Amino acid sequence: MSNLKEISATGDVVTGGDGYRLHSVTVSAAADAASVVIRDVSGSSPLLTVKAAIGATATWRAGDVDGVFVGTTIHATVTGTAPAVDIEYS
């Protein structure tokens, strides 16, 4: 079973586990372009960047049904004015 969380600001999406599987990331931009950078922990190397143009939505989906392994934390760095970012993980 997967979890879905919507965020609008930079921070940890989920933390404290033995590892997570990232299934999808969707960014919906508002009045300006928006992006989200997914990292294993804050300050680590980026694993994934998803960008959406003004008023547009962009989605990334894992190519494997099991998702992509991420360590003990899924951290998201969000840019843009009031974007909606949906992150599906298990």
Protein backbone atom coordinates (compact mmCIF):
# COMPACT_ATOMS: atom_id res chain seq x y z
CA MET A 1 0.00 0.00 0.00
CA SER A 2 1.32 3.46 -0.85
CA ASN A 3 0.92 6.82 0.87
CA LEU A 4 0.18 10.16 -0.76
CA LYS A 5 1.23 13.46 0.78
CA GLU A 6 0.71 16.98 -0.55
CA ILE A 7 3.24 19.63 0.40
CA SER A 8 3.75 23.27 -0.55
CA ALA A 9 7.01 24.11 1.22
CA THR A 10 10.51 22.70 1.67
CA GLY A 11 10.93 19.98 4.29
CA ASP A 12 10.91 16.29 5.09
CA VAL A 13 8.03 14.42 3.49
CA VAL A 14 8.60 11.35 5.67
CA THR A 15 11.44 10.34 7.96
CA GLY A 16 12.56 7.72 10.43
CA GLY A 17 11.98 4.53 8.48
CA ASP A 18 14.32 1.81 7.29
CA GLY A 19 13.88 3.06 3.75
CA TYR A 20 11.10 4.22 1.49
CA ARG A 21 10.00 3.58 -2.08
CA LEU A 22 9.21 6.64 -4.16
CA HIS A 23 6.43 5.97 -6.69
CA SER A 24 5.49 9.37 -8.15
CA VAL A 25 5.97 13.11 -7.81
CA THR A 26 3.61 15.72 -9.29
CA VAL A 27 4.21 19.48 -9.31
CA SER A 28 1.40 21.92 -10.11
CA ALA A 29 2.65 25.46 -10.65
CA ALA A 30 0.57 28.57 -10.01
CA ALA A 31 1.51 32.15 -10.93
CA ASP A 32 5.14 31.27 -11.67
CA ALA A 33 7.18 28.22 -12.58
CA ALA A 34 7.67 25.68 -9.81
CA SER A 35 9.97 22.78 -9.06
CA VAL A 36 10.69 20.14 -6.46
CA VAL A 37 14.04 18.49 -5.81
CA ILE A 38 13.88 15.14 -4.01
CA ARG A 39 16.81 14.12 -1.81
CA ASP A 40 17.52 11.24 0.59
CA VAL A 41 18.15 13.78 3.37
CA SER A 42 18.45 17.57 3.45
CA GLY A 43 21.76 18.64 1.92
CA SER A 44 22.45 15.36 0.10
CA SER A 45 22.80 15.03 -3.65
CA PRO A 46 19.56 15.38 -5.62
CA LEU A 47 17.87 12.14 -6.64
CA LEU A 48 15.18 13.73 -8.80
CA THR A 49 14.03 17.16 -10.02
CA VAL A 50 10.56 17.81 -11.42
CA LYS A 51 9.78 21.21 -13.00
CA ALA A 52 6.46 22.71 -14.08
CA ALA A 53 5.93 25.85 -16.19
CA ILE A 54 3.56 28.65 -15.13
CA GLY A 55 0.06 27.23 -14.67
CA ALA A 56 1.15 23.74 -15.73
CA THR A 57 1.48 20.35 -14.06
CA ALA A 58 4.41 17.94 -14.45
CA THR A 59 4.56 14.35 -13.19
CA TRP A 60 7.33 11.81 -12.70
CA ARG A 61 6.46 8.13 -12.18
CA ALA A 62 8.84 5.33 -11.27
CA GLY A 63 9.47 2.90 -14.10
CA ASP A 64 9.34 -0.02 -11.66
CA VAL A 65 6.07 -0.96 -9.93
CA ASP A 66 8.06 -1.28 -6.67
CA GLY A 67 9.22 2.35 -6.92
CA VAL A 68 12.69 3.79 -6.42
CA PHE A 69 14.46 3.16 -3.11
CA VAL A 70 15.19 6.22 -0.95
CA GLY A 71 16.99 5.94 2.41
CA THR A 72 15.70 6.97 5.83
CA THR A 73 14.15 10.29 4.75
CA ILE A 74 12.41 11.71 1.69
CA HIS A 75 13.28 15.41 1.65
CA ALA A 76 11.70 17.86 -0.81
CA THR A 77 13.04 21.30 -1.73
CA VAL A 78 10.18 23.30 -3.26
CA THR A 79 10.46 26.47 -5.37
CA GLY A 80 7.76 28.70 -6.80
CA THR A 81 4.83 30.67 -5.41
CA ALA A 82 2.19 28.43 -3.81
CA PRO A 83 2.77 25.27 -5.86
CA ALA A 84 1.08 22.00 -4.98
CA VAL A 85 3.45 19.04 -4.80
CA ASP A 86 2.06 15.51 -4.44
CA ILE A 87 4.43 12.75 -3.42
CA GLU A 88 3.46 9.07 -3.47
CA TYR A 89 5.65 6.69 -1.48
CA SER A 90 5.56 3.44 0.46
